[in-house]
Amino acid sequence: MTGYDIAGLIGVATILAGYAVATMGRLDPKGAPSLAINFAGASLILLSLTQRFNLSATIVEAAWALIALVGLIRIALRRLTHRGPMTPG
């Protein structure tokens, strides 16, 4: 087993754990922590796919990572626009 295999397995475990916790109602699936978990897990799986390429798995994981990343960017932009004017000190 290579480091890439281990990264892929950690990615799978990360996504499954995040999904389980969200399904149990302990994590908001639209929240930044859940999206970060999905992005990290999918990215680790994509890393493993660089060594043992599989087109369909790559498409699924790239889409998974992209959707999570878009969600994280939207949250960040929302936070930036709702901060209001900066106060000194």
PDB file of N, CA and C in Angstrom:
ATOM      1  N   MET A   1       0.855  -1.179   0.000  1.00  0.00           N
ATOM      2  CA  MET A   1       0.000   0.000   0.000  1.00  0.00           C
ATOM      3  C   MET A   1       0.900   1.240   0.000  1.00  0.00           C
ATOM      4  N   THR A   2       0.596   2.158  -0.883  1.00  0.00           N
ATOM      5  CA  THR A   2       1.397   3.377  -1.012  1.00  0.00           C
ATOM      6  C   THR A   2       0.797   4.515  -0.194  1.00  0.00           C
ATOM      7  N   GLY A   3       1.537   5.593  -0.105  1.00  0.00           N
ATOM      8  CA  GLY A   3       1.030   6.793   0.555  1.00  0.00           C
ATOM      9  C   GLY A   3      -0.200   7.347  -0.153  1.00  0.00           C
ATOM     10  N   TYR A   4      -0.235   7.191  -1.469  1.00  0.00           N
ATOM     11  CA  TYR A   4      -1.393   7.647  -2.235  1.00  0.00           C
ATOM     12  C   TYR A   4      -2.634   6.811  -1.895  1.00  0.00           C
ATOM     13  N   ASP A   5      -2.434   5.520  -1.719  1.00  0.00           N
ATOM     14  CA  ASP A   5      -3.547   4.660  -1.306  1.00  0.00           C
ATOM     15  C   ASP A   5      -4.069   5.075   0.063  1.00  0.00           C
ATOM     16  N   ILE A   6      -3.147   5.358   0.967  1.00  0.00           N
ATOM     17  CA  ILE A   6      -3.539   5.779   2.319  1.00  0.00           C
ATOM     18  C   ILE A   6      -4.283   7.110   2.265  1.00  0.00           C
ATOM     19  N   ALA A   7      -3.794   8.035   1.448  1.00  0.00           N
ATOM     20  CA  ALA A   7      -4.486   9.323   1.294  1.00  0.00           C
ATOM     21  C   ALA A   7      -5.906   9.111   0.787  1.00  0.00           C
ATOM     22  N   GLY A   8      -6.067   8.233  -0.200  1.00  0.00           N
ATOM     23  CA  GLY A   8      -7.401   7.950  -0.729  1.00  0.00           C
ATOM     24  C   GLY A   8      -8.313   7.342   0.319  1.00  0.00           C
ATOM     25  N   LEU A   9      -7.779   6.420   1.116  1.00  0.00           N
ATOM     26  CA  LEU A   9      -8.585   5.797   2.170  1.00  0.00           C
ATOM     27  C   LEU A   9      -8.974   6.807   3.249  1.00  0.00           C
ATOM     28  N   ILE A  10      -8.055   7.689   3.590  1.00  0.00           N
ATOM     29  CA  ILE A  10      -8.385   8.749   4.556  1.00  0.00           C
ATOM     30  C   ILE A  10      -9.463   9.658   3.969  1.00  0.00           C
ATOM     31  N   GLY A  11      -9.366   9.954   2.675  1.00  0.00           N
ATOM     32  CA  GLY A  11     -10.389  10.770   2.017  1.00  0.00           C
ATOM     33  C   GLY A  11     -11.758  10.118   2.067  1.00  0.00           C
ATOM     34  N   VAL A  12     -11.802   8.820   1.787  1.00  0.00           N
ATOM     35  CA  VAL A  12     -13.078   8.089   1.848  1.00  0.00           C
ATOM     36  C   VAL A  12     -13.638   8.127   3.267  1.00  0.00           C
ATOM     37  N   ALA A  13     -12.788   7.847   4.246  1.00  0.00           N
ATOM     38  CA  ALA A  13     -13.239   7.854   5.646  1.00  0.00           C
ATOM     39  C   ALA A  13     -13.731   9.240   6.060  1.00  0.00           C
ATOM     40  N   THR A  14     -13.050  10.274   5.584  1.00  0.00           N
ATOM     41  CA  THR A  14     -13.431  11.653   5.910  1.00  0.00           C
ATOM     42  C   THR A  14     -14.819  11.975   5.360  1.00  0.00           C
ATOM     43  N   ILE A  15     -15.047  11.664   4.096  1.00  0.00           N
ATOM     44  CA  ILE A  15     -16.349  11.943   3.478  1.00  0.00           C
ATOM     45  C   ILE A  15     -17.452  11.132   4.146  1.00  0.00           C
ATOM     46  N   LEU A  16     -17.210   9.856   4.388  1.00  0.00           N
ATOM     47  CA  LEU A  16     -18.233   9.015   5.012  1.00  0.00           C
ATOM     48  C   LEU A  16     -18.548   9.461   6.442  1.00  0.00           C
ATOM     49  N   ALA A  17     -17.520   9.825   7.195  1.00  0.00           N
ATOM     50  CA  ALA A  17     -17.747  10.300   8.560  1.00  0.00           C
ATOM     51  C   ALA A  17     -18.541  11.610   8.546  1.00  0.00           C
ATOM     52  N   GLY A  18     -18.167  12.515   7.654  1.00  0.00           N
ATOM     53  CA  GLY A  18     -18.901  13.778   7.545  1.00  0.00           C
ATOM     54  C   GLY A  18     -20.352  13.557   7.168  1.00  0.00           C
ATOM     55  N   TYR A  19     -20.579  12.656   6.239  1.00  0.00           N
ATOM     56  CA  TYR A  19     -21.953  12.350   5.814  1.00  0.00           C
ATOM     57  C   TYR A  19     -22.744  11.726   6.957  1.00  0.00           C
ATOM     58  N   ALA A  20     -22.129  10.825   7.697  1.00  0.00           N
ATOM     59  CA  ALA A  20     -22.814  10.182   8.823  1.00  0.00           C
ATOM     60  C   ALA A  20     -23.186  11.199   9.896  1.00  0.00           C
ATOM     61  N   VAL A  21     -22.256  12.075  10.224  1.00  0.00           N
ATOM     62  CA  VAL A  21     -22.518  13.080  11.254  1.00  0.00           C
ATOM     63  C   VAL A  21     -23.601  14.054  10.788  1.00  0.00           C
ATOM     64  N   ALA A  22     -23.575  14.437   9.524  1.00  0.00           N
ATOM     65  CA  ALA A  22     -24.610  15.328   8.988  1.00  0.00           C
ATOM     66  C   ALA A  22     -25.966  14.632   8.974  1.00  0.00           C
ATOM     67  N   THR A  23     -25.992  13.356   8.623  1.00  0.00           N
ATOM     68  CA  THR A  23     -27.245  12.605   8.585  1.00  0.00           C
ATOM     69  C   THR A  23     -27.849  12.463   9.971  1.00  0.00           C
ATOM     70  N   MET A  24     -27.004  12.370  10.983  1.00  0.00           N
ATOM     71  CA  MET A  24     -27.487  12.271  12.366  1.00  0.00           C
ATOM     72  C   MET A  24     -27.924  13.623  12.919  1.00  0.00           C
ATOM     73  N   GLY A  25     -27.779  14.676  12.124  1.00  0.00           N
ATOM     74  CA  GLY A  25     -28.216  15.998  12.548  1.00  0.00           C
ATOM     75  C   GLY A  25     -27.226  16.723  13.435  1.00  0.00           C
ATOM     76  N   ARG A  26     -25.999  16.249  13.484  1.00  0.00           N
ATOM     77  CA  ARG A  26     -25.007  16.872  14.350  1.00  0.00           C
ATOM     78  C   ARG A  26     -24.107  17.842  13.597  1.00  0.00           C
ATOM     79  N   LEU A  27     -24.302  17.959  12.289  1.00  0.00           N
ATOM     80  CA  LEU A  27     -23.496  18.848  11.460  1.00  0.00           C
ATOM     81  C   LEU A  27     -24.384  19.389  10.348  1.00  0.00           C
ATOM     82  N   ASP A  28     -24.386  20.713  10.195  1.00  0.00           N
ATOM     83  CA  ASP A  28     -25.177  21.346   9.138  1.00  0.00           C
ATOM     84  C   ASP A  28     -24.518  21.054   7.791  1.00  0.00           C
ATOM     85  N   PRO A  29     -25.202  20.334   6.891  1.00  0.00           N
ATOM     86  CA  PRO A  29     -24.583  19.984   5.614  1.00  0.00           C
ATOM     87  C   PRO A  29     -24.248  21.194   4.739  1.00  0.00           C
ATOM     88  N   LYS A  30     -24.856  22.347   5.013  1.00  0.00           N
ATOM     89  CA  LYS A  30     -24.563  23.550   4.236  1.00  0.00           C
ATOM     90  C   LYS A  30     -23.551  24.452   4.936  1.00  0.00           C
ATOM     91  N   GLY A  31     -23.092  24.041   6.107  1.00  0.00           N
ATOM     92  CA  GLY A  31     -22.151  24.847   6.868  1.00  0.00           C
ATOM     93  C   GLY A  31     -20.717  24.656   6.423  1.00  0.00           C
ATOM     94  N   ALA A  32     -19.876  25.604   6.792  1.00  0.00           N
ATOM     95  CA  ALA A  32     -18.468  25.569   6.399  1.00  0.00           C
ATOM     96  C   ALA A  32     -17.745  24.305   6.874  1.00  0.00           C
ATOM     97  N   PRO A  33     -17.960  23.827   8.109  1.00  0.00           N
ATOM     98  CA  PRO A  33     -17.256  22.606   8.516  1.00  0.00           C
ATOM     99  C   PRO A  33     -17.589  21.400   7.631  1.00  0.00           C
ATOM    100  N   SER A  34     -18.850  21.232   7.319  1.00  0.00           N
ATOM    101  CA  SER A  34     -19.258  20.109   6.475  1.00  0.00           C
ATOM    102  C   SER A  34     -18.682  20.238   5.068  1.00  0.00           C
ATOM    103  N   LEU A  35     -18.733  21.424   4.520  1.00  0.00           N
ATOM    104  CA  LEU A  35     -18.187  21.648   3.175  1.00  0.00           C
ATOM    105  C   LEU A  35     -16.668  21.443   3.163  1.00  0.00           C
ATOM    106  N   ALA A  36     -15.993  21.882   4.220  1.00  0.00           N
ATOM    107  CA  ALA A  36     -14.548  21.687   4.305  1.00  0.00           C
ATOM    108  C   ALA A  36     -14.194  20.207   4.398  1.00  0.00           C
ATOM    109  N   ILE A  37     -14.984  19.452   5.146  1.00  0.00           N
ATOM    110  CA  ILE A  37     -14.777  18.002   5.246  1.00  0.00           C
ATOM    111  C   ILE A  37     -14.936  17.360   3.873  1.00  0.00           C
ATOM    112  N   ASN A  38     -15.983  17.734   3.160  1.00  0.00           N
ATOM    113  CA  ASN A  38     -16.203  17.174   1.824  1.00  0.00           C
ATOM    114  C   ASN A  38     -15.096  17.558   0.856  1.00  0.00           C
ATOM    115  N   PHE A  39     -14.658  18.812   0.908  1.00  0.00           N
ATOM    116  CA  PHE A  39     -13.589  19.256   0.024  1.00  0.00           C
ATOM    117  C   PHE A  39     -12.286  18.515   0.322  1.00  0.00           C
ATOM    118  N   ALA A  40     -11.951  18.398   1.598  1.00  0.00           N
ATOM    119  CA  ALA A  40     -10.714  17.718   1.975  1.00  0.00           C
ATOM    120  C   ALA A  40     -10.751  16.243   1.574  1.00  0.00           C
ATOM    121  N   GLY A  41     -11.868  15.586   1.851  1.00  0.00           N
ATOM    122  CA  GLY A  41     -11.986  14.175   1.508  1.00  0.00           C
ATOM    123  C   GLY A  41     -11.889  13.934   0.013  1.00  0.00           C
ATOM    124  N   ALA A  42     -12.617  14.718  -0.753  1.00  0.00           N
ATOM    125  CA  ALA A  42     -12.578  14.563  -2.208  1.00  0.00           C
ATOM    126  C   ALA A  42     -11.182  14.874  -2.757  1.00  0.00           C
ATOM    127  N   SER A  43     -10.525  15.862  -2.180  1.00  0.00           N
ATOM    128  CA  SER A  43      -9.175  16.209  -2.637  1.00  0.00           C
ATOM    129  C   SER A  43      -8.189  15.073  -2.369  1.00  0.00           C
ATOM    130  N   LEU A  44      -8.319  14.426  -1.223  1.00  0.00           N
ATOM    131  CA  LEU A  44      -7.447  13.291  -0.917  1.00  0.00           C
ATOM    132  C   LEU A  44      -7.694  12.119  -1.872  1.00  0.00           C
ATOM    133  N   ILE A  45      -8.949  11.889  -2.183  1.00  0.00           N
ATOM    134  CA  ILE A  45      -9.267  10.828  -3.140  1.00  0.00           C
ATOM    135  C   ILE A  45      -8.707  11.182  -4.519  1.00  0.00           C
ATOM    136  N   LEU A  46      -8.851  12.447  -4.925  1.00  0.00           N
ATOM    137  CA  LEU A  46      -8.274  12.874  -6.206  1.00  0.00           C
ATOM    138  C   LEU A  46      -6.764  12.689  -6.224  1.00  0.00           C
ATOM    139  N   LEU A  47      -6.120  12.975  -5.099  1.00  0.00           N
ATOM    140  CA  LEU A  47      -4.681  12.764  -5.013  1.00  0.00           C
ATOM    141  C   LEU A  47      -4.339  11.295  -5.271  1.00  0.00           C
ATOM    142  N   SER A  48      -5.106  10.401  -4.670  1.00  0.00           N
ATOM    143  CA  SER A  48      -4.843   8.973  -4.879  1.00  0.00           C
ATOM    144  C   SER A  48      -5.093   8.564  -6.327  1.00  0.00           C
ATOM    145  N   LEU A  49      -6.025   9.237  -6.982  1.00  0.00           N
ATOM    146  CA  LEU A  49      -6.344   8.902  -8.371  1.00  0.00           C
ATOM    147  C   LEU A  49      -5.267   9.363  -9.354  1.00  0.00           C
ATOM    148  N   THR A  50      -4.344  10.199  -8.900  1.00  0.00           N
ATOM    149  CA  THR A  50      -3.240  10.587  -9.782  1.00  0.00           C
ATOM    150  C   THR A  50      -2.312   9.406 -10.043  1.00  0.00           C
ATOM    151  N   GLN A  51      -2.341   8.418  -9.175  1.00  0.00           N
ATOM    152  CA  GLN A  51      -1.473   7.250  -9.328  1.00  0.00           C
ATOM    153  C   GLN A  51      -2.181   6.066  -9.970  1.00  0.00           C
ATOM    154  N   ARG A  52      -3.462   5.957  -9.701  1.00  0.00           N
ATOM    155  CA  ARG A  52      -4.259   4.875 -10.289  1.00  0.00           C
ATOM    156  C   ARG A  52      -5.517   5.502 -10.870  1.00  0.00           C
ATOM    157  N   PHE A  53      -5.365   6.036 -12.056  1.00  0.00           N
ATOM    158  CA  PHE A  53      -6.423   6.825 -12.672  1.00  0.00           C
ATOM    159  C   PHE A  53      -7.659   5.986 -12.998  1.00  0.00           C
ATOM    160  N   ASN A  54      -8.808   6.582 -12.714  1.00  0.00           N
ATOM    161  CA  ASN A  54     -10.099   6.013 -13.067  1.00  0.00           C
ATOM    162  C   ASN A  54     -10.974   7.201 -13.452  1.00  0.00           C
ATOM    163  N   LEU A  55     -11.389   7.285 -14.712  1.00  0.00           N
ATOM    164  CA  LEU A  55     -12.091   8.468 -15.214  1.00  0.00           C
ATOM    165  C   LEU A  55     -13.371   8.756 -14.455  1.00  0.00           C
ATOM    166  N   SER A  56     -14.216   7.756 -14.267  1.00  0.00           N
ATOM    167  CA  SER A  56     -15.503   8.013 -13.610  1.00  0.00           C
ATOM    168  C   SER A  56     -15.310   8.447 -12.158  1.00  0.00           C
ATOM    169  N   ALA A  57     -14.372   7.836 -11.449  1.00  0.00           N
ATOM    170  CA  ALA A  57     -14.105   8.237 -10.062  1.00  0.00           C
ATOM    171  C   ALA A  57     -13.539   9.652 -10.017  1.00  0.00           C
ATOM    172  N   THR A  58     -12.693   9.992 -10.969  1.00  0.00           N
ATOM    173  CA  THR A  58     -12.116  11.334 -11.024  1.00  0.00           C
ATOM    174  C   THR A  58     -13.201  12.381 -11.261  1.00  0.00           C
ATOM    175  N   ILE A  59     -14.126  12.087 -12.155  1.00  0.00           N
ATOM    176  CA  ILE A  59     -15.220  13.021 -12.431  1.00  0.00           C
ATOM    177  C   ILE A  59     -16.075  13.230 -11.182  1.00  0.00           C
ATOM    178  N   VAL A  60     -16.435  12.147 -10.514  1.00  0.00           N
ATOM    179  CA  VAL A  60     -17.267  12.257  -9.307  1.00  0.00           C
ATOM    180  C   VAL A  60     -16.548  13.062  -8.226  1.00  0.00           C
ATOM    181  N   GLU A  61     -15.297  12.749  -7.965  1.00  0.00           N
ATOM    182  CA  GLU A  61     -14.567  13.428  -6.896  1.00  0.00           C
ATOM    183  C   GLU A  61     -14.257  14.874  -7.240  1.00  0.00           C
ATOM    184  N   ALA A  62     -13.966  15.152  -8.512  1.00  0.00           N
ATOM    185  CA  ALA A  62     -13.732  16.543  -8.923  1.00  0.00           C
ATOM    186  C   ALA A  62     -15.014  17.361  -8.756  1.00  0.00           C
ATOM    187  N   ALA A  63     -16.143  16.791  -9.135  1.00  0.00           N
ATOM    188  CA  ALA A  63     -17.421  17.487  -8.959  1.00  0.00           C
ATOM    189  C   ALA A  63     -17.706  17.699  -7.477  1.00  0.00           C
ATOM    190  N   TRP A  64     -17.452  16.681  -6.662  1.00  0.00           N
ATOM    191  CA  TRP A  64     -17.680  16.751  -5.219  1.00  0.00           C
ATOM    192  C   TRP A  64     -16.840  17.872  -4.611  1.00  0.00           C
ATOM    193  N   ALA A  65     -15.559  17.923  -4.988  1.00  0.00           N
ATOM    194  CA  ALA A  65     -14.656  18.953  -4.476  1.00  0.00           C
ATOM    195  C   ALA A  65     -15.068  20.341  -4.969  1.00  0.00           C
ATOM    196  N   LEU A  66     -15.441  20.444  -6.236  1.00  0.00           N
ATOM    197  CA  LEU A  66     -15.833  21.732  -6.800  1.00  0.00           C
ATOM    198  C   LEU A  66     -17.104  22.271  -6.144  1.00  0.00           C
ATOM    199  N   ILE A  67     -18.089  21.417  -5.936  1.00  0.00           N
ATOM    200  CA  ILE A  67     -19.331  21.843  -5.286  1.00  0.00           C
ATOM    201  C   ILE A  67     -19.044  22.323  -3.872  1.00  0.00           C
ATOM    202  N   ALA A  68     -18.227  21.580  -3.139  1.00  0.00           N
ATOM    203  CA  ALA A  68     -17.880  21.986  -1.779  1.00  0.00           C
ATOM    204  C   ALA A  68     -17.112  23.301  -1.782  1.00  0.00           C
ATOM    205  N   LEU A  69     -16.183  23.459  -2.727  1.00  0.00           N
ATOM    206  CA  LEU A  69     -15.403  24.684  -2.811  1.00  0.00           C
ATOM    207  C   LEU A  69     -16.277  25.891  -3.132  1.00  0.00           C
ATOM    208  N   VAL A  70     -17.218  25.727  -4.041  1.00  0.00           N
ATOM    209  CA  VAL A  70     -18.146  26.822  -4.358  1.00  0.00           C
ATOM    210  C   VAL A  70     -18.951  27.203  -3.110  1.00  0.00           C
ATOM    211  N   GLY A  71     -19.399  26.219  -2.360  1.00  0.00           N
ATOM    212  CA  GLY A  71     -20.124  26.493  -1.120  1.00  0.00           C
ATOM    213  C   GLY A  71     -19.267  27.249  -0.119  1.00  0.00           C
ATOM    214  N   LEU A  72     -18.013  26.854   0.022  1.00  0.00           N
ATOM    215  CA  LEU A  72     -17.104  27.550   0.939  1.00  0.00           C
ATOM    216  C   LEU A  72     -16.854  28.985   0.494  1.00  0.00           C
ATOM    217  N   ILE A  73     -16.695  29.189  -0.805  1.00  0.00           N
ATOM    218  CA  ILE A  73     -16.483  30.544  -1.322  1.00  0.00           C
ATOM    219  C   ILE A  73     -17.714  31.407  -1.073  1.00  0.00           C
ATOM    220  N   ARG A  74     -18.889  30.846  -1.289  1.00  0.00           N
ATOM    221  CA  ARG A  74     -20.125  31.604  -1.039  1.00  0.00           C
ATOM    222  C   ARG A  74     -20.241  32.009   0.429  1.00  0.00           C
ATOM    223  N   ILE A  75     -19.908  31.104   1.332  1.00  0.00           N
ATOM    224  CA  ILE A  75     -19.945  31.423   2.758  1.00  0.00           C
ATOM    225  C   ILE A  75     -18.947  32.533   3.077  1.00  0.00           C
ATOM    226  N   ALA A  76     -17.740  32.426   2.531  1.00  0.00           N
ATOM    227  CA  ALA A  76     -16.719  33.448   2.779  1.00  0.00           C
ATOM    228  C   ALA A  76     -17.154  34.811   2.246  1.00  0.00           C
ATOM    229  N   LEU A  77     -17.717  34.831   1.048  1.00  0.00           N
ATOM    230  CA  LEU A  77     -18.182  36.105   0.482  1.00  0.00           C
ATOM    231  C   LEU A  77     -19.325  36.693   1.291  1.00  0.00           C
ATOM    232  N   ARG A  78     -20.227  35.846   1.745  1.00  0.00           N
ATOM    233  CA  ARG A  78     -21.345  36.306   2.569  1.00  0.00           C
ATOM    234  C   ARG A  78     -20.829  36.923   3.864  1.00  0.00           C
ATOM    235  N   ARG A  79     -19.850  36.287   4.466  1.00  0.00           N
ATOM    236  CA  ARG A  79     -19.276  36.820   5.712  1.00  0.00           C
ATOM    237  C   ARG A  79     -18.580  38.145   5.468  1.00  0.00           C
ATOM    238  N   LEU A  80     -17.885  38.265   4.355  1.00  0.00           N
ATOM    239  CA  LEU A  80     -17.198  39.516   4.042  1.00  0.00           C
ATOM    240  C   LEU A  80     -18.163  40.668   3.803  1.00  0.00           C
ATOM    241  N   THR A  81     -19.266  40.381   3.107  1.00  0.00           N
ATOM    242  CA  THR A  81     -20.209  41.448   2.792  1.00  0.00           C
ATOM    243  C   THR A  81     -21.100  41.827   3.968  1.00  0.00           C
ATOM    244  N   HIS A  82     -21.218  40.968   4.966  1.00  0.00           N
ATOM    245  CA  HIS A  82     -22.064  41.268   6.124  1.00  0.00           C
ATOM    246  C   HIS A  82     -21.290  41.756   7.324  1.00  0.00           C
ATOM    247  N   ARG A  83     -20.015  42.014   7.144  1.00  0.00           N
ATOM    248  CA  ARG A  83     -19.211  42.505   8.259  1.00  0.00           C
ATOM    249  C   ARG A  83     -19.517  43.954   8.593  1.00  0.00           C
ATOM    250  N   GLY A  84     -19.881  44.713   7.594  1.00  0.00           N
ATOM    251  CA  GLY A  84     -20.143  46.124   7.811  1.00  0.00           C
ATOM    252  C   GLY A  84     -18.846  46.917   7.805  1.00  0.00           C
ATOM    253  N   PRO A  85     -18.959  48.228   8.069  1.00  0.00           N
ATOM    254  CA  PRO A  85     -17.763  49.063   8.050  1.00  0.00           C
ATOM    255  C   PRO A  85     -16.820  48.686   9.205  1.00  0.00           C
ATOM    256  N   MET A  86     -15.539  48.783   8.911  1.00  0.00           N
ATOM    257  CA  MET A  86     -14.558  48.479   9.942  1.00  0.00           C
ATOM    258  C   MET A  86     -14.446  49.649  10.899  1.00  0.00           C
ATOM    259  N   THR A  87     -14.365  49.314  12.167  1.00  0.00           N
ATOM    260  CA  THR A  87     -14.215  50.367  13.179  1.00  0.00           C
ATOM    261  C   THR A  87     -12.771  50.386  13.656  1.00  0.00           C
ATOM    262  N   PRO A  88     -12.248  51.585  13.899  1.00  0.00           N
ATOM    263  CA  PRO A  88     -10.856  51.671  14.351  1.00  0.00           C
ATOM    264  C   PRO A  88     -10.683  51.065  15.735  1.00  0.00           C
ATOM    265  N   GLY A  89      -9.460  50.588  15.970  1.00  0.00           N
ATOM    266  CA  GLY A  89      -9.056  50.161  17.304  1.00  0.00           C
ATOM    267  C   GLY A  89      -9.394  48.816  17.651  1.00  0.00           C
TER     268      GLY A  89
END
